[in-house]
């Protein structure tokens, strides 16, 4: 296995054992739904609002395989922000987002197989786009390319939900601009028709 596979396997094993509700997001999800790209980071959304999840839950689950600051974890869980952990063997960085940015996103997770014997919950295609739109608002040019890659890739996407959620999050204009770039002939993208993700 490569370093990414080793690190991902350890992340999943730790969170399942904890147990903590989670799914993958970020570059790995973008590569899954859009144009594959190189990434050396793993982004995970974790649920701190259920199952009695506390900072100690993460420290206990991750500290054997990962380097992390207990104080940073405590602060991240308290404020709903992000904390980082470094895998001891591969030195790969993992970002743990302790508060979902998209309401209900963990309820819409989909299972994907990343390697033989490892099936992992991943953010839905629609929520991956929404998350990236929020990052674009913060100045991420890479996220802009990720959204275009997802919108231009084959496969169904629920444009009705995507448009409604984008309005709620204040990113609808940005979504429309990128839909127009991804589909200049207007045959998909922003027509508002619902085609559920399979």
Foldseek 3Di string as FASTA:
>chain_A
DDLVVVVVVLVVVLCVVLPWQKAWAPLVVLVVQFPHDDDLETEMETECPDPVDALVSCCVSPVVQWDFDSVQSRVCLVVQAWGWIAGPPSRGIYIYRDHDPQPPQSVVWDWDDPDPPDITTHGDLLSNLVVLLVVVVVPDPVSLVSNLRNLLDDFFDFLLVSQVSCVVVVRNVVQQVSQCVSPVVPPDRNPNHGDHGD
